[in-house]
Protein backbone atom coordinates (compact mmCIF):
# COMPACT_ATOMS: atom_id res chain seq x y z
CA UNK A 1 0.00 0.00 0.00
CA UNK A 2 2.83 2.40 0.86
CA UNK A 3 4.47 1.58 -2.47
CA UNK A 4 1.31 2.48 -4.38
CA UNK A 5 0.98 5.78 -2.49
CA UNK A 6 4.63 6.62 -3.14
CA UNK A 7 4.27 5.89 -6.87
CA UNK A 8 1.14 8.06 -7.06
CA UNK A 9 2.95 10.98 -5.42
CA UNK A 10 5.92 10.56 -7.80
CA UNK A 11 3.70 10.61 -10.89
CA UNK A 12 1.87 13.71 -9.67
CA UNK A 13 5.15 15.49 -8.94
CA UNK A 14 6.59 14.45 -12.30
CA UNK A 15 3.57 15.91 -14.08
CA UNK A 16 3.85 19.15 -12.14
CA UNK A 17 7.57 19.54 -12.72
CA UNK A 18 7.30 19.78 -16.50
CA UNK A 19 8.14 23.34 -17.55
CA UNK A 20 7.08 22.86 -21.17
CA UNK A 21 3.48 23.63 -21.95
CA UNK A 22 1.41 21.74 -24.47
CA UNK A 23 0.59 23.22 -27.86
CA UNK A 24 -2.79 24.99 -27.88
CA UNK A 25 -5.28 25.11 -30.74
CA UNK A 26 -4.37 28.78 -31.30
CA UNK A 27 -0.72 27.84 -31.65
CA UNK A 28 -1.64 24.98 -34.00
CA UNK A 29 -3.56 27.32 -36.32
CA UNK A 30 -0.66 29.80 -36.24
CA UNK A 31 1.76 27.02 -37.15
CA UNK A 32 -0.45 26.01 -40.08
CA UNK A 33 -0.04 29.53 -41.52
CA UNK A 34 3.73 28.98 -41.90
CA UNK A 35 5.09 26.87 -44.77
CA UNK A 36 8.56 25.44 -45.14
CA UNK A 37 10.54 26.49 -48.20
CA UNK A 38 13.96 25.75 -49.66
CA UNK A 39 16.75 28.37 -49.45
CA UNK A 40 16.94 28.72 -53.26
CA UNK A 41 13.33 29.97 -53.29
CA UNK A 42 14.58 33.29 -51.86
CA UNK A 43 15.82 34.10 -55.37
CA UNK A 44 12.31 34.01 -56.86
CA UNK A 45 11.47 37.20 -58.74
CA UNK A 46 7.68 37.02 -58.40
CA UNK A 47 7.71 37.35 -54.59
CA UNK A 48 9.48 39.62 -52.14
CA UNK A 49 10.89 38.03 -48.97
CA UNK A 50 11.50 39.97 -45.78
CA UNK A 51 13.78 38.25 -43.27
CA UNK A 52 12.35 38.30 -39.75
CA UNK A 53 15.25 36.55 -38.04
CA UNK A 54 16.21 33.18 -36.69
CA UNK A 55 13.77 31.01 -34.74
CA UNK A 56 14.10 27.84 -32.69
CA UNK A 57 11.80 25.09 -31.57
CA UNK A 58 12.47 22.61 -28.79
CA UNK A 59 11.03 19.32 -27.63
CA UNK A 60 12.30 18.42 -24.16
CA UNK A 61 12.11 15.41 -21.87
CA UNK A 62 12.53 17.04 -18.46
CA UNK A 63 12.61 13.82 -16.44
CA UNK A 64 12.16 10.06 -16.78
CA UNK A 65 8.39 10.38 -16.37
CA UNK A 66 8.00 12.92 -19.21
CA UNK A 67 7.28 11.93 -22.79
CA UNK A 68 10.28 11.42 -25.03
CA UNK A 69 11.12 14.45 -27.18
CA UNK A 70 10.30 14.32 -30.88
CA UNK A 71 11.64 16.09 -33.91
CA UNK A 72 8.05 16.72 -35.07
CA UNK A 73 7.27 18.67 -31.88
CA UNK A 74 10.46 20.73 -32.22
CA UNK A 75 9.54 21.56 -35.84
CA UNK A 76 6.00 22.50 -34.79
CA UNK A 77 7.29 24.78 -32.02
CA UNK A 78 9.69 26.40 -34.50
CA UNK A 79 6.76 27.13 -36.84
CA UNK A 80 4.83 28.65 -33.92
CA UNK A 81 7.81 30.89 -33.08
CA UNK A 82 7.98 31.99 -36.73
CA UNK A 83 4.24 32.75 -36.79
CA UNK A 84 4.61 34.92 -33.68
CA UNK A 85 7.10 37.05 -35.63
CA UNK A 86 4.58 37.41 -38.47
CA UNK A 87 6.32 34.97 -40.80
CA UNK A 88 4.55 32.85 -43.38
CA UNK A 89 7.65 31.03 -44.70
CA UNK A 90 10.40 29.16 -42.89
CA UNK A 91 13.75 27.79 -44.00
CA UNK A 92 14.93 24.86 -41.89
CA UNK A 93 18.63 25.16 -41.03
CA UNK A 94 19.15 22.26 -38.62
CA UNK A 95 17.60 19.79 -36.21
CA UNK A 96 19.66 17.94 -33.67
CA UNK A 97 19.35 15.84 -30.57
CA UNK A 98 21.21 16.68 -27.37
CA UNK A 99 20.71 17.11 -23.64
CA UNK A 100 20.99 19.97 -21.18
CA UNK A 101 20.74 20.44 -17.43
CA UNK A 102 16.98 21.05 -17.83
CA UNK A 103 16.35 18.39 -20.48
CA UNK A 104 17.62 14.88 -20.09
CA UNK A 105 16.89 14.48 -23.83
CA UNK A 106 15.76 17.03 -26.39
CA UNK A 107 15.34 17.87 -30.04
CA UNK A 108 16.16 21.43 -31.07
CA UNK A 109 15.47 22.83 -34.53
CA UNK A 110 16.68 26.14 -35.93
CA UNK A 111 15.45 28.05 -38.96
CA UNK A 112 15.08 31.42 -40.65
CA UNK A 113 11.67 33.12 -40.58
CA UNK A 114 10.52 35.11 -43.63
CA UNK A 115 7.48 37.07 -44.67
CA UNK A 116 6.65 36.41 -48.33
CA UNK A 117 4.84 39.27 -50.06
CA UNK A 118 3.66 39.29 -53.68
CA UNK A 119 5.24 41.95 -55.86
CA UNK A 120 2.94 44.79 -56.80
C-alpha atoms as a PDB file:
ATOM      1  CA  UNK A   1       0.000   0.000   0.000  1.00  0.00           C
ATOM      2  CA  UNK A   2       2.828   2.399   0.861  1.00  0.00           C
ATOM      3  CA  UNK A   3       4.475   1.580  -2.473  1.00  0.00           C
ATOM      4  CA  UNK A   4       1.314   2.481  -4.383  1.00  0.00           C
ATOM      5  CA  UNK A   5       0.982   5.784  -2.491  1.00  0.00           C
ATOM      6  CA  UNK A   6       4.626   6.620  -3.144  1.00  0.00           C
ATOM      7  CA  UNK A   7       4.265   5.893  -6.871  1.00  0.00           C
ATOM      8  CA  UNK A   8       1.138   8.064  -7.059  1.00  0.00           C
ATOM      9  CA  UNK A   9       2.951  10.983  -5.424  1.00  0.00           C
ATOM     10  CA  UNK A  10       5.925  10.560  -7.798  1.00  0.00           C
ATOM     11  CA  UNK A  11       3.700  10.607 -10.888  1.00  0.00           C
ATOM     12  CA  UNK A  12       1.866  13.710  -9.665  1.00  0.00           C
ATOM     13  CA  UNK A  13       5.150  15.491  -8.943  1.00  0.00           C
ATOM     14  CA  UNK A  14       6.589  14.453 -12.296  1.00  0.00           C
ATOM     15  CA  UNK A  15       3.573  15.907 -14.078  1.00  0.00           C
ATOM     16  CA  UNK A  16       3.849  19.154 -12.135  1.00  0.00           C
ATOM     17  CA  UNK A  17       7.573  19.543 -12.720  1.00  0.00           C
ATOM     18  CA  UNK A  18       7.300  19.784 -16.495  1.00  0.00           C
ATOM     19  CA  UNK A  19       8.136  23.336 -17.547  1.00  0.00           C
ATOM     20  CA  UNK A  20       7.081  22.855 -21.166  1.00  0.00           C
ATOM     21  CA  UNK A  21       3.484  23.628 -21.954  1.00  0.00           C
ATOM     22  CA  UNK A  22       1.412  21.744 -24.469  1.00  0.00           C
ATOM     23  CA  UNK A  23       0.587  23.222 -27.856  1.00  0.00           C
ATOM     24  CA  UNK A  24      -2.786  24.994 -27.880  1.00  0.00           C
ATOM     25  CA  UNK A  25      -5.279  25.112 -30.743  1.00  0.00           C
ATOM     26  CA  UNK A  26      -4.374  28.780 -31.301  1.00  0.00           C
ATOM     27  CA  UNK A  27      -0.715  27.836 -31.645  1.00  0.00           C
ATOM     28  CA  UNK A  28      -1.640  24.984 -33.996  1.00  0.00           C
ATOM     29  CA  UNK A  29      -3.559  27.317 -36.315  1.00  0.00           C
ATOM     30  CA  UNK A  30      -0.663  29.801 -36.241  1.00  0.00           C
ATOM     31  CA  UNK A  31       1.764  27.016 -37.149  1.00  0.00           C
ATOM     32  CA  UNK A  32      -0.447  26.010 -40.085  1.00  0.00           C
ATOM     33  CA  UNK A  33      -0.038  29.529 -41.516  1.00  0.00           C
ATOM     34  CA  UNK A  34       3.732  28.979 -41.904  1.00  0.00           C
ATOM     35  CA  UNK A  35       5.088  26.873 -44.768  1.00  0.00           C
ATOM     36  CA  UNK A  36       8.561  25.443 -45.138  1.00  0.00           C
ATOM     37  CA  UNK A  37      10.543  26.488 -48.199  1.00  0.00           C
ATOM     38  CA  UNK A  38      13.959  25.748 -49.655  1.00  0.00           C
ATOM     39  CA  UNK A  39      16.751  28.372 -49.452  1.00  0.00           C
ATOM     40  CA  UNK A  40      16.941  28.719 -53.262  1.00  0.00           C
ATOM     41  CA  UNK A  41      13.333  29.970 -53.291  1.00  0.00           C
ATOM     42  CA  UNK A  42      14.581  33.292 -51.858  1.00  0.00           C
ATOM     43  CA  UNK A  43      15.824  34.105 -55.367  1.00  0.00           C
ATOM     44  CA  UNK A  44      12.306  34.011 -56.856  1.00  0.00           C
ATOM     45  CA  UNK A  45      11.467  37.202 -58.735  1.00  0.00           C
ATOM     46  CA  UNK A  46       7.683  37.018 -58.397  1.00  0.00           C
ATOM     47  CA  UNK A  47       7.709  37.348 -54.593  1.00  0.00           C
ATOM     48  CA  UNK A  48       9.482  39.624 -52.142  1.00  0.00           C
ATOM     49  CA  UNK A  49      10.887  38.030 -48.972  1.00  0.00           C
ATOM     50  CA  UNK A  50      11.503  39.972 -45.778  1.00  0.00           C
ATOM     51  CA  UNK A  51      13.778  38.245 -43.271  1.00  0.00           C
ATOM     52  CA  UNK A  52      12.353  38.296 -39.749  1.00  0.00           C
ATOM     53  CA  UNK A  53      15.248  36.547 -38.044  1.00  0.00           C
ATOM     54  CA  UNK A  54      16.211  33.176 -36.690  1.00  0.00           C
ATOM     55  CA  UNK A  55      13.769  31.010 -34.736  1.00  0.00           C
ATOM     56  CA  UNK A  56      14.098  27.839 -32.687  1.00  0.00           C
ATOM     57  CA  UNK A  57      11.799  25.087 -31.566  1.00  0.00           C
ATOM     58  CA  UNK A  58      12.471  22.607 -28.789  1.00  0.00           C
ATOM     59  CA  UNK A  59      11.035  19.322 -27.625  1.00  0.00           C
ATOM     60  CA  UNK A  60      12.298  18.424 -24.157  1.00  0.00           C
ATOM     61  CA  UNK A  61      12.106  15.415 -21.870  1.00  0.00           C
ATOM     62  CA  UNK A  62      12.530  17.039 -18.461  1.00  0.00           C
ATOM     63  CA  UNK A  63      12.611  13.816 -16.437  1.00  0.00           C
ATOM     64  CA  UNK A  64      12.162  10.064 -16.780  1.00  0.00           C
ATOM     65  CA  UNK A  65       8.392  10.377 -16.373  1.00  0.00           C
ATOM     66  CA  UNK A  66       8.003  12.917 -19.210  1.00  0.00           C
ATOM     67  CA  UNK A  67       7.277  11.930 -22.787  1.00  0.00           C
ATOM     68  CA  UNK A  68      10.276  11.416 -25.032  1.00  0.00           C
ATOM     69  CA  UNK A  69      11.120  14.447 -27.180  1.00  0.00           C
ATOM     70  CA  UNK A  70      10.299  14.318 -30.885  1.00  0.00           C
ATOM     71  CA  UNK A  71      11.641  16.091 -33.912  1.00  0.00           C
ATOM     72  CA  UNK A  72       8.050  16.724 -35.067  1.00  0.00           C
ATOM     73  CA  UNK A  73       7.267  18.668 -31.884  1.00  0.00           C
ATOM     74  CA  UNK A  74      10.464  20.727 -32.221  1.00  0.00           C
ATOM     75  CA  UNK A  75       9.542  21.565 -35.838  1.00  0.00           C
ATOM     76  CA  UNK A  76       6.003  22.505 -34.791  1.00  0.00           C
ATOM     77  CA  UNK A  77       7.294  24.781 -32.020  1.00  0.00           C
ATOM     78  CA  UNK A  78       9.689  26.400 -34.498  1.00  0.00           C
ATOM     79  CA  UNK A  79       6.759  27.126 -36.841  1.00  0.00           C
ATOM     80  CA  UNK A  80       4.830  28.649 -33.916  1.00  0.00           C
ATOM     81  CA  UNK A  81       7.806  30.885 -33.081  1.00  0.00           C
ATOM     82  CA  UNK A  82       7.977  31.992 -36.727  1.00  0.00           C
ATOM     83  CA  UNK A  83       4.241  32.752 -36.793  1.00  0.00           C
ATOM     84  CA  UNK A  84       4.608  34.918 -33.675  1.00  0.00           C
ATOM     85  CA  UNK A  85       7.095  37.047 -35.634  1.00  0.00           C
ATOM     86  CA  UNK A  86       4.584  37.411 -38.474  1.00  0.00           C
ATOM     87  CA  UNK A  87       6.321  34.968 -40.802  1.00  0.00           C
ATOM     88  CA  UNK A  88       4.553  32.854 -43.380  1.00  0.00           C
ATOM     89  CA  UNK A  89       7.647  31.032 -44.704  1.00  0.00           C
ATOM     90  CA  UNK A  90      10.397  29.165 -42.894  1.00  0.00           C
ATOM     91  CA  UNK A  91      13.749  27.787 -44.002  1.00  0.00           C
ATOM     92  CA  UNK A  92      14.931  24.861 -41.889  1.00  0.00           C
ATOM     93  CA  UNK A  93      18.629  25.156 -41.028  1.00  0.00           C
ATOM     94  CA  UNK A  94      19.152  22.260 -38.618  1.00  0.00           C
ATOM     95  CA  UNK A  95      17.598  19.790 -36.212  1.00  0.00           C
ATOM     96  CA  UNK A  96      19.664  17.942 -33.675  1.00  0.00           C
ATOM     97  CA  UNK A  97      19.351  15.838 -30.566  1.00  0.00           C
ATOM     98  CA  UNK A  98      21.209  16.681 -27.374  1.00  0.00           C
ATOM     99  CA  UNK A  99      20.709  17.109 -23.645  1.00  0.00           C
ATOM    100  CA  UNK A 100      20.993  19.971 -21.178  1.00  0.00           C
ATOM    101  CA  UNK A 101      20.737  20.435 -17.429  1.00  0.00           C
ATOM    102  CA  UNK A 102      16.985  21.049 -17.827  1.00  0.00           C
ATOM    103  CA  UNK A 103      16.353  18.386 -20.479  1.00  0.00           C
ATOM    104  CA  UNK A 104      17.615  14.877 -20.086  1.00  0.00           C
ATOM    105  CA  UNK A 105      16.892  14.479 -23.826  1.00  0.00           C
ATOM    106  CA  UNK A 106      15.759  17.029 -26.394  1.00  0.00           C
ATOM    107  CA  UNK A 107      15.340  17.869 -30.040  1.00  0.00           C
ATOM    108  CA  UNK A 108      16.161  21.433 -31.066  1.00  0.00           C
ATOM    109  CA  UNK A 109      15.466  22.827 -34.534  1.00  0.00           C
ATOM    110  CA  UNK A 110      16.678  26.144 -35.933  1.00  0.00           C
ATOM    111  CA  UNK A 111      15.455  28.046 -38.961  1.00  0.00           C
ATOM    112  CA  UNK A 112      15.077  31.422 -40.652  1.00  0.00           C
ATOM    113  CA  UNK A 113      11.668  33.116 -40.576  1.00  0.00           C
ATOM    114  CA  UNK A 114      10.517  35.106 -43.630  1.00  0.00           C
ATOM    115  CA  UNK A 115       7.482  37.068 -44.672  1.00  0.00           C
ATOM    116  CA  UNK A 116       6.648  36.406 -48.330  1.00  0.00           C
ATOM    117  CA  UNK A 117       4.841  39.269 -50.058  1.00  0.00           C
ATOM    118  CA  UNK A 118       3.661  39.288 -53.675  1.00  0.00           C
ATOM    119  CA  UNK A 119       5.240  41.945 -55.865  1.00  0.00           C
ATOM    120  CA  UNK A 120       2.938  44.787 -56.801  1.00  0.00           C
END
